[in-house]
């Protein structure tokens, strides 16, 4: 899958809608990181488990968005030699 060049991905992240989404994800992550220990202390284990699953999902999404695309290295291609154009090795009578 081609996700675009490094500059295209950076431009996408700087777009106002993308930047707002990234900011929202970071805010949700910080809320869950703050709330999970509070749930555990208050004995609300089911809420802590649910929040932990949400936190993990948000972190995976943010990680995927912020991951840099692989740098594509152009491979060197040899010139094509048509086998039909090679001189024949057979001796002609």
PDB file of N, CA and C in Angstrom:
ATOM      1  N   UNK A   1       0.835  -1.170   0.000  1.00  0.00           N
ATOM      2  CA  UNK A   1       0.000   0.000   0.000  1.00  0.00           C
ATOM      3  C   UNK A   1       0.881   1.234   0.000  1.00  0.00           C
ATOM      4  N   UNK A   2       0.627   2.123  -0.905  1.00  0.00           N
ATOM      5  CA  UNK A   2       1.394   3.360  -0.984  1.00  0.00           C
ATOM      6  C   UNK A   2       0.619   4.447  -0.254  1.00  0.00           C
ATOM      7  N   UNK A   3       1.188   4.959   0.841  1.00  0.00           N
ATOM      8  CA  UNK A   3       0.501   5.988   1.611  1.00  0.00           C
ATOM      9  C   UNK A   3       0.989   7.382   1.275  1.00  0.00           C
ATOM     10  N   UNK A   4       1.891   7.507   0.364  1.00  0.00           N
ATOM     11  CA  UNK A   4       2.376   8.810  -0.046  1.00  0.00           C
ATOM     12  C   UNK A   4       3.801   9.048   0.409  1.00  0.00           C
ATOM     13  N   UNK A   5       4.343  10.098  -0.112  1.00  0.00           N
ATOM     14  CA  UNK A   5       5.710  10.436   0.238  1.00  0.00           C
ATOM     15  C   UNK A   5       5.757  11.066   1.627  1.00  0.00           C
ATOM     16  N   UNK A   6       6.955  11.206   2.126  1.00  0.00           N
ATOM     17  CA  UNK A   6       7.152  11.776   3.458  1.00  0.00           C
ATOM     18  C   UNK A   6       6.582  13.201   3.517  1.00  0.00           C
ATOM     19  N   UNK A   7       6.804  13.989   2.480  1.00  0.00           N
ATOM     20  CA  UNK A   7       6.296  15.372   2.486  1.00  0.00           C
ATOM     21  C   UNK A   7       4.774  15.404   2.400  1.00  0.00           C
ATOM     22  N   UNK A   8       4.171  14.461   1.669  1.00  0.00           N
ATOM     23  CA  UNK A   8       2.709  14.411   1.596  1.00  0.00           C
ATOM     24  C   UNK A   8       2.104  14.070   2.952  1.00  0.00           C
ATOM     25  N   UNK A   9       2.740  13.144   3.656  1.00  0.00           N
ATOM     26  CA  UNK A   9       2.239  12.751   4.976  1.00  0.00           C
ATOM     27  C   UNK A   9       2.374  13.916   5.948  1.00  0.00           C
ATOM     28  N   UNK A  10       3.488  14.616   5.908  1.00  0.00           N
ATOM     29  CA  UNK A  10       3.662  15.783   6.787  1.00  0.00           C
ATOM     30  C   UNK A  10       2.640  16.861   6.470  1.00  0.00           C
ATOM     31  N   UNK A  11       2.375  17.085   5.193  1.00  0.00           N
ATOM     32  CA  UNK A  11       1.378  18.085   4.798  1.00  0.00           C
ATOM     33  C   UNK A  11      -0.008  17.666   5.279  1.00  0.00           C
ATOM     34  N   UNK A  12      -0.307  16.368   5.205  1.00  0.00           N
ATOM     35  CA  UNK A  12      -1.600  15.877   5.675  1.00  0.00           C
ATOM     36  C   UNK A  12      -1.751  16.100   7.180  1.00  0.00           C
ATOM     37  N   UNK A  13      -0.682  15.850   7.932  1.00  0.00           N
ATOM     38  CA  UNK A  13      -0.740  16.038   9.386  1.00  0.00           C
ATOM     39  C   UNK A  13      -0.916  17.500   9.760  1.00  0.00           C
ATOM     40  N   UNK A  14      -0.422  18.413   8.927  1.00  0.00           N
ATOM     41  CA  UNK A  14      -0.531  19.845   9.218  1.00  0.00           C
ATOM     42  C   UNK A  14      -1.873  20.429   8.794  1.00  0.00           C
ATOM     43  N   UNK A  15      -2.654  19.691   8.024  1.00  0.00           N
ATOM     44  CA  UNK A  15      -3.969  20.168   7.605  1.00  0.00           C
ATOM     45  C   UNK A  15      -4.810  20.411   8.855  1.00  0.00           C
ATOM     46  N   UNK A  16      -5.630  21.476   8.887  1.00  0.00           N
ATOM     47  CA  UNK A  16      -6.382  21.796  10.107  1.00  0.00           C
ATOM     48  C   UNK A  16      -7.270  20.658  10.627  1.00  0.00           C
ATOM     49  N   UNK A  17      -7.925  19.938   9.736  1.00  0.00           N
ATOM     50  CA  UNK A  17      -8.794  18.843  10.183  1.00  0.00           C
ATOM     51  C   UNK A  17      -7.956  17.709  10.777  1.00  0.00           C
ATOM     52  N   UNK A  18      -6.858  17.362  10.110  1.00  0.00           N
ATOM     53  CA  UNK A  18      -5.989  16.303  10.617  1.00  0.00           C
ATOM     54  C   UNK A  18      -5.357  16.708  11.940  1.00  0.00           C
ATOM     55  N   UNK A  19      -4.919  17.958  12.027  1.00  0.00           N
ATOM     56  CA  UNK A  19      -4.312  18.437  13.275  1.00  0.00           C
ATOM     57  C   UNK A  19      -5.328  18.414  14.414  1.00  0.00           C
ATOM     58  N   UNK A  20      -6.587  18.756  14.122  1.00  0.00           N
ATOM     59  CA  UNK A  20      -7.628  18.716  15.147  1.00  0.00           C
ATOM     60  C   UNK A  20      -7.881  17.277  15.595  1.00  0.00           C
ATOM     61  N   UNK A  21      -7.891  16.339  14.647  1.00  0.00           N
ATOM     62  CA  UNK A  21      -8.098  14.938  14.989  1.00  0.00           C
ATOM     63  C   UNK A  21      -6.949  14.415  15.851  1.00  0.00           C
ATOM     64  N   UNK A  22      -5.722  14.748  15.492  1.00  0.00           N
ATOM     65  CA  UNK A  22      -4.562  14.311  16.271  1.00  0.00           C
ATOM     66  C   UNK A  22      -4.611  14.905  17.678  1.00  0.00           C
ATOM     67  N   UNK A  23      -4.986  16.180  17.767  1.00  0.00           N
ATOM     68  CA  UNK A  23      -5.134  16.818  19.079  1.00  0.00           C
ATOM     69  C   UNK A  23      -6.210  16.154  19.921  1.00  0.00           C
ATOM     70  N   UNK A  24      -7.338  15.786  19.283  1.00  0.00           N
ATOM     71  CA  UNK A  24      -8.415  15.112  19.986  1.00  0.00           C
ATOM     72  C   UNK A  24      -7.953  13.749  20.498  1.00  0.00           C
ATOM     73  N   UNK A  25      -7.243  13.007  19.657  1.00  0.00           N
ATOM     74  CA  UNK A  25      -6.728  11.699  20.087  1.00  0.00           C
ATOM     75  C   UNK A  25      -5.799  11.843  21.283  1.00  0.00           C
ATOM     76  N   UNK A  26      -4.906  12.823  21.226  1.00  0.00           N
ATOM     77  CA  UNK A  26      -3.972  13.034  22.350  1.00  0.00           C
ATOM     78  C   UNK A  26      -4.725  13.413  23.621  1.00  0.00           C
ATOM     79  N   UNK A  27      -5.773  14.215  23.480  1.00  0.00           N
ATOM     80  CA  UNK A  27      -6.574  14.605  24.645  1.00  0.00           C
ATOM     81  C   UNK A  27      -7.285  13.390  25.244  1.00  0.00           C
ATOM     82  N   UNK A  28      -7.870  12.550  24.397  1.00  0.00           N
ATOM     83  CA  UNK A  28      -8.549  11.346  24.884  1.00  0.00           C
ATOM     84  C   UNK A  28      -7.560  10.420  25.587  1.00  0.00           C
ATOM     85  N   UNK A  29      -6.376  10.290  25.038  1.00  0.00           N
ATOM     86  CA  UNK A  29      -5.352   9.444  25.656  1.00  0.00           C
ATOM     87  C   UNK A  29      -4.998   9.975  27.040  1.00  0.00           C
ATOM     88  N   UNK A  30      -4.816  11.285  27.160  1.00  0.00           N
ATOM     89  CA  UNK A  30      -4.458  11.848  28.469  1.00  0.00           C
ATOM     90  C   UNK A  30      -5.601  11.692  29.465  1.00  0.00           C
ATOM     91  N   UNK A  31      -6.867  11.791  29.006  1.00  0.00           N
ATOM     92  CA  UNK A  31      -8.006  11.598  29.912  1.00  0.00           C
ATOM     93  C   UNK A  31      -8.019  10.171  30.443  1.00  0.00           C
ATOM     94  N   UNK A  32      -7.848   9.197  29.557  1.00  0.00           N
ATOM     95  CA  UNK A  32      -7.856   7.803  30.007  1.00  0.00           C
ATOM     96  C   UNK A  32      -6.652   7.494  30.890  1.00  0.00           C
ATOM     97  N   UNK A  33      -5.508   8.052  30.587  1.00  0.00           N
ATOM     98  CA  UNK A  33      -4.331   7.818  31.434  1.00  0.00           C
ATOM     99  C   UNK A  33      -4.552   8.391  32.833  1.00  0.00           C
ATOM    100  N   UNK A  34      -5.294   9.448  32.912  1.00  0.00           N
ATOM    101  CA  UNK A  34      -5.583  10.054  34.207  1.00  0.00           C
ATOM    102  C   UNK A  34      -6.690   9.289  34.937  1.00  0.00           C
ATOM    103  N   UNK A  35      -7.703   8.802  34.208  1.00  0.00           N
ATOM    104  CA  UNK A  35      -8.866   8.191  34.843  1.00  0.00           C
ATOM    105  C   UNK A  35      -8.664   6.737  35.263  1.00  0.00           C
ATOM    106  N   UNK A  36      -7.861   5.991  34.548  1.00  0.00           N
ATOM    107  CA  UNK A  36      -7.707   4.559  34.846  1.00  0.00           C
ATOM    108  C   UNK A  36      -7.210   4.321  36.277  1.00  0.00           C
ATOM    109  N   UNK A  37      -6.155   4.991  36.734  1.00  0.00           N
ATOM    110  CA  UNK A  37      -5.744   4.762  38.133  1.00  0.00           C
ATOM    111  C   UNK A  37      -6.840   5.139  39.139  1.00  0.00           C
ATOM    112  N   UNK A  38      -7.616   6.165  38.822  1.00  0.00           N
ATOM    113  CA  UNK A  38      -8.713   6.571  39.709  1.00  0.00           C
ATOM    114  C   UNK A  38      -9.779   5.481  39.779  1.00  0.00           C
ATOM    115  N   UNK A  39     -10.088   4.865  38.637  1.00  0.00           N
ATOM    116  CA  UNK A  39     -11.054   3.765  38.630  1.00  0.00           C
ATOM    117  C   UNK A  39     -10.553   2.597  39.482  1.00  0.00           C
ATOM    118  N   UNK A  40      -9.294   2.283  39.376  1.00  0.00           N
ATOM    119  CA  UNK A  40      -8.727   1.157  40.133  1.00  0.00           C
ATOM    120  C   UNK A  40      -8.793   1.444  41.630  1.00  0.00           C
ATOM    121  N   UNK A  41      -8.425   2.659  42.033  1.00  0.00           N
ATOM    122  CA  UNK A  41      -8.430   3.026  43.453  1.00  0.00           C
ATOM    123  C   UNK A  41      -9.842   2.958  44.021  1.00  0.00           C
ATOM    124  N   UNK A  42     -10.830   3.347  43.224  1.00  0.00           N
ATOM    125  CA  UNK A  42     -12.216   3.342  43.699  1.00  0.00           C
ATOM    126  C   UNK A  42     -12.891   1.980  43.561  1.00  0.00           C
ATOM    127  N   UNK A  43     -12.147   0.995  43.053  1.00  0.00           N
ATOM    128  CA  UNK A  43     -12.689  -0.349  42.946  1.00  0.00           C
ATOM    129  C   UNK A  43     -13.593  -0.553  41.744  1.00  0.00           C
ATOM    130  N   UNK A  44     -13.554   0.352  40.802  1.00  0.00           N
ATOM    131  CA  UNK A  44     -14.377   0.239  39.594  1.00  0.00           C
ATOM    132  C   UNK A  44     -13.555  -0.465  38.511  1.00  0.00           C
ATOM    133  N   UNK A  45     -13.316  -1.751  38.737  1.00  0.00           N
ATOM    134  CA  UNK A  45     -12.427  -2.538  37.884  1.00  0.00           C
ATOM    135  C   UNK A  45     -12.980  -2.675  36.465  1.00  0.00           C
ATOM    136  N   UNK A  46     -14.279  -2.872  36.315  1.00  0.00           N
ATOM    137  CA  UNK A  46     -14.869  -3.009  34.977  1.00  0.00           C
ATOM    138  C   UNK A  46     -14.697  -1.714  34.183  1.00  0.00           C
ATOM    139  N   UNK A  47     -14.869  -0.578  34.846  1.00  0.00           N
ATOM    140  CA  UNK A  47     -14.647   0.703  34.163  1.00  0.00           C
ATOM    141  C   UNK A  47     -13.179   0.865  33.784  1.00  0.00           C
ATOM    142  N   UNK A  48     -12.297   0.420  34.656  1.00  0.00           N
ATOM    143  CA  UNK A  48     -10.855   0.503  34.366  1.00  0.00           C
ATOM    144  C   UNK A  48     -10.495  -0.372  33.169  1.00  0.00           C
ATOM    145  N   UNK A  49     -11.080  -1.566  33.086  1.00  0.00           N
ATOM    146  CA  UNK A  49     -10.820  -2.447  31.950  1.00  0.00           C
ATOM    147  C   UNK A  49     -11.327  -1.841  30.650  1.00  0.00           C
ATOM    148  N   UNK A  50     -12.524  -1.288  30.684  1.00  0.00           N
ATOM    149  CA  UNK A  50     -13.091  -0.663  29.483  1.00  0.00           C
ATOM    150  C   UNK A  50     -12.242   0.536  29.056  1.00  0.00           C
ATOM    151  N   UNK A  51     -11.848   1.342  30.016  1.00  0.00           N
ATOM    152  CA  UNK A  51     -11.027   2.509  29.706  1.00  0.00           C
ATOM    153  C   UNK A  51      -9.658   2.087  29.183  1.00  0.00           C
ATOM    154  N   UNK A  52      -9.134   0.991  29.723  1.00  0.00           N
ATOM    155  CA  UNK A  52      -7.837   0.485  29.264  1.00  0.00           C
ATOM    156  C   UNK A  52      -7.913   0.033  27.808  1.00  0.00           C
ATOM    157  N   UNK A  53      -9.006  -0.632  27.427  1.00  0.00           N
ATOM    158  CA  UNK A  53      -9.186  -1.035  26.038  1.00  0.00           C
ATOM    159  C   UNK A  53      -9.300   0.156  25.110  1.00  0.00           C
ATOM    160  N   UNK A  54     -10.032   1.167  25.535  1.00  0.00           N
ATOM    161  CA  UNK A  54     -10.153   2.385  24.736  1.00  0.00           C
ATOM    162  C   UNK A  54      -8.808   3.084  24.604  1.00  0.00           C
ATOM    163  N   UNK A  55      -8.088   3.160  25.711  1.00  0.00           N
ATOM    164  CA  UNK A  55      -6.767   3.790  25.699  1.00  0.00           C
ATOM    165  C   UNK A  55      -5.844   3.092  24.713  1.00  0.00           C
ATOM    166  N   UNK A  56      -5.829   1.778  24.749  1.00  0.00           N
ATOM    167  CA  UNK A  56      -4.972   1.019  23.839  1.00  0.00           C
ATOM    168  C   UNK A  56      -5.360   1.285  22.384  1.00  0.00           C
ATOM    169  N   UNK A  57      -6.654   1.316  22.107  1.00  0.00           N
ATOM    170  CA  UNK A  57      -7.116   1.588  20.743  1.00  0.00           C
ATOM    171  C   UNK A  57      -6.704   2.964  20.265  1.00  0.00           C
ATOM    172  N   UNK A  58      -6.902   3.970  21.108  1.00  0.00           N
ATOM    173  CA  UNK A  58      -6.506   5.331  20.732  1.00  0.00           C
ATOM    174  C   UNK A  58      -4.997   5.440  20.517  1.00  0.00           C
ATOM    175  N   UNK A  59      -4.219   4.776  21.363  1.00  0.00           N
ATOM    176  CA  UNK A  59      -2.765   4.811  21.205  1.00  0.00           C
ATOM    177  C   UNK A  59      -2.332   4.142  19.903  1.00  0.00           C
ATOM    178  N   UNK A  60      -2.990   3.042  19.530  1.00  0.00           N
ATOM    179  CA  UNK A  60      -2.653   2.379  18.273  1.00  0.00           C
ATOM    180  C   UNK A  60      -3.003   3.250  17.073  1.00  0.00           C
ATOM    181  N   UNK A  61      -4.144   3.910  17.126  1.00  0.00           N
ATOM    182  CA  UNK A  61      -4.540   4.791  16.027  1.00  0.00           C
ATOM    183  C   UNK A  61      -3.563   5.952  15.907  1.00  0.00           C
ATOM    184  N   UNK A  62      -3.231   6.580  17.025  1.00  0.00           N
ATOM    185  CA  UNK A  62      -2.284   7.701  16.991  1.00  0.00           C
ATOM    186  C   UNK A  62      -0.918   7.240  16.507  1.00  0.00           C
ATOM    187  N   UNK A  63      -0.492   6.065  16.945  1.00  0.00           N
ATOM    188  CA  UNK A  63       0.794   5.531  16.495  1.00  0.00           C
ATOM    189  C   UNK A  63       0.810   5.298  14.991  1.00  0.00           C
ATOM    190  N   UNK A  64      -0.297   4.798  14.455  1.00  0.00           N
ATOM    191  CA  UNK A  64      -0.374   4.560  13.012  1.00  0.00           C
ATOM    192  C   UNK A  64      -0.379   5.872  12.241  1.00  0.00           C
ATOM    193  N   UNK A  65      -1.053   6.875  12.765  1.00  0.00           N
ATOM    194  CA  UNK A  65      -1.103   8.170  12.088  1.00  0.00           C
ATOM    195  C   UNK A  65       0.256   8.857  12.120  1.00  0.00           C
ATOM    196  N   UNK A  66       0.955   8.737  13.231  1.00  0.00           N
ATOM    197  CA  UNK A  66       2.219   9.453  13.395  1.00  0.00           C
ATOM    198  C   UNK A  66       3.418   8.686  12.853  1.00  0.00           C
ATOM    199  N   UNK A  67       3.198   7.451  12.414  1.00  0.00           N
ATOM    200  CA  UNK A  67       4.288   6.656  11.869  1.00  0.00           C
ATOM    201  C   UNK A  67       4.758   7.256  10.550  1.00  0.00           C
ATOM    202  N   UNK A  68       6.052   7.364  10.411  1.00  0.00           N
ATOM    203  CA  UNK A  68       6.601   7.904   9.167  1.00  0.00           C
ATOM    204  C   UNK A  68       6.571   6.834   8.083  1.00  0.00           C
ATOM    205  N   UNK A  69       6.231   7.247   6.869  1.00  0.00           N
ATOM    206  CA  UNK A  69       6.215   6.257   5.782  1.00  0.00           C
ATOM    207  C   UNK A  69       7.631   5.802   5.460  1.00  0.00           C
ATOM    208  N   UNK A  70       7.762   4.588   4.971  1.00  0.00           N
ATOM    209  CA  UNK A  70       9.099   4.121   4.610  1.00  0.00           C
ATOM    210  C   UNK A  70       9.651   4.935   3.441  1.00  0.00           C
ATOM    211  N   UNK A  71      10.927   5.174   3.490  1.00  0.00           N
ATOM    212  CA  UNK A  71      11.579   5.923   2.414  1.00  0.00           C
ATOM    213  C   UNK A  71      11.787   4.972   1.248  1.00  0.00           C
ATOM    214  N   UNK A  72      11.255   5.363   0.113  1.00  0.00           N
ATOM    215  CA  UNK A  72      11.362   4.512  -1.064  1.00  0.00           C
ATOM    216  C   UNK A  72      12.688   4.789  -1.766  1.00  0.00           C
ATOM    217  N   UNK A  73      13.430   3.739  -1.961  1.00  0.00           N
ATOM    218  CA  UNK A  73      14.713   3.848  -2.647  1.00  0.00           C
ATOM    219  C   UNK A  73      14.524   3.292  -4.050  1.00  0.00           C
ATOM    220  N   UNK A  74      14.856   4.112  -5.019  1.00  0.00           N
ATOM    221  CA  UNK A  74      14.698   3.679  -6.404  1.00  0.00           C
ATOM    222  C   UNK A  74      15.721   2.586  -6.708  1.00  0.00           C
ATOM    223  N   UNK A  75      15.246   1.526  -7.315  1.00  0.00           N
ATOM    224  CA  UNK A  75      16.148   0.445  -7.686  1.00  0.00           C
ATOM    225  C   UNK A  75      16.676   0.708  -9.087  1.00  0.00           C
ATOM    226  N   UNK A  76      17.908   0.342  -9.266  1.00  0.00           N
ATOM    227  CA  UNK A  76      18.535   0.556 -10.564  1.00  0.00           C
ATOM    228  C   UNK A  76      18.145  -0.597 -11.486  1.00  0.00           C
ATOM    229  N   UNK A  77      17.683  -0.247 -12.657  1.00  0.00           N
ATOM    230  CA  UNK A  77      17.221  -1.246 -13.607  1.00  0.00           C
ATOM    231  C   UNK A  77      18.204  -1.303 -14.772  1.00  0.00           C
ATOM    232  N   UNK A  78      18.626  -2.519 -15.099  1.00  0.00           N
ATOM    233  CA  UNK A  78      19.523  -2.690 -16.242  1.00  0.00           C
ATOM    234  C   UNK A  78      18.738  -2.487 -17.535  1.00  0.00           C
ATOM    235  N   UNK A  79      19.462  -2.079 -18.569  1.00  0.00           N
ATOM    236  CA  UNK A  79      18.825  -1.918 -19.867  1.00  0.00           C
ATOM    237  C   UNK A  79      18.340  -3.272 -20.360  1.00  0.00           C
ATOM    238  N   UNK A  80      17.182  -3.264 -20.986  1.00  0.00           N
ATOM    239  CA  UNK A  80      16.591  -4.490 -21.485  1.00  0.00           C
ATOM    240  C   UNK A  80      17.251  -4.895 -22.795  1.00  0.00           C
ATOM    241  N   UNK A  81      17.678  -6.137 -22.849  1.00  0.00           N
ATOM    242  CA  UNK A  81      18.232  -6.674 -24.090  1.00  0.00           C
ATOM    243  C   UNK A  81      17.260  -7.724 -24.605  1.00  0.00           C
ATOM    244  N   UNK A  82      16.717  -7.468 -25.758  1.00  0.00           N
ATOM    245  CA  UNK A  82      15.760  -8.395 -26.353  1.00  0.00           C
ATOM    246  C   UNK A  82      16.504  -9.635 -26.823  1.00  0.00           C
ATOM    247  N   UNK A  83      16.121 -10.810 -26.329  1.00  0.00           N
ATOM    248  CA  UNK A  83      16.814 -12.031 -26.731  1.00  0.00           C
ATOM    249  C   UNK A  83      16.721 -12.301 -28.229  1.00  0.00           C
ATOM    250  N   UNK A  84      15.688 -11.824 -28.868  1.00  0.00           N
ATOM    251  CA  UNK A  84      15.531 -12.050 -30.310  1.00  0.00           C
ATOM    252  C   UNK A  84      16.533 -11.247 -31.124  1.00  0.00           C
ATOM    253  N   UNK A  85      17.107 -10.236 -30.542  1.00  0.00           N
ATOM    254  CA  UNK A  85      18.039  -9.374 -31.271  1.00  0.00           C
ATOM    255  C   UNK A  85      19.493  -9.810 -31.097  1.00  0.00           C
ATOM    256  N   UNK A  86      19.730 -10.785 -30.238  1.00  0.00           N
ATOM    257  CA  UNK A  86      21.107 -11.255 -30.055  1.00  0.00           C
ATOM    258  C   UNK A  86      21.567 -12.001 -31.312  1.00  0.00           C
ATOM    259  N   UNK A  87      22.837 -11.951 -31.578  1.00  0.00           N
ATOM    260  CA  UNK A  87      23.318 -12.738 -32.731  1.00  0.00           C
ATOM    261  C   UNK A  87      23.214 -14.238 -32.434  1.00  0.00           C
ATOM    262  N   UNK A  88      22.943 -14.991 -33.424  1.00  0.00           N
ATOM    263  CA  UNK A  88      22.756 -16.415 -33.262  1.00  0.00           C
ATOM    264  C   UNK A  88      24.096 -17.104 -33.026  1.00  0.00           C
ATOM    265  N   UNK A  89      24.072 -18.107 -32.188  1.00  0.00           N
ATOM    266  CA  UNK A  89      25.289 -18.882 -31.918  1.00  0.00           C
ATOM    267  C   UNK A  89      25.389 -20.100 -32.842  1.00  0.00           C
ATOM    268  N   UNK A  90      24.327 -20.335 -33.562  1.00  0.00           N
ATOM    269  CA  UNK A  90      24.335 -21.470 -34.501  1.00  0.00           C
ATOM    270  C   UNK A  90      25.182 -21.111 -35.707  1.00  0.00           C
ATOM    271  N   UNK A  91      25.891 -22.124 -36.179  1.00  0.00           N
ATOM    272  CA  UNK A  91      26.686 -21.907 -37.399  1.00  0.00           C
ATOM    273  C   UNK A  91      25.770 -22.097 -38.590  1.00  0.00           C
ATOM    274  N   UNK A  92      25.874 -21.187 -39.515  1.00  0.00           N
ATOM    275  CA  UNK A  92      25.082 -21.326 -40.732  1.00  0.00           C
ATOM    276  C   UNK A  92      25.857 -22.082 -41.771  1.00  0.00           C
ATOM    277  N   UNK A  93      25.229 -22.991 -42.505  1.00  0.00           N
ATOM    278  CA  UNK A  93      25.971 -23.792 -43.512  1.00  0.00           C
ATOM    279  C   UNK A  93      26.333 -23.020 -44.741  1.00  0.00           C
TER     280      UNK A  93
END
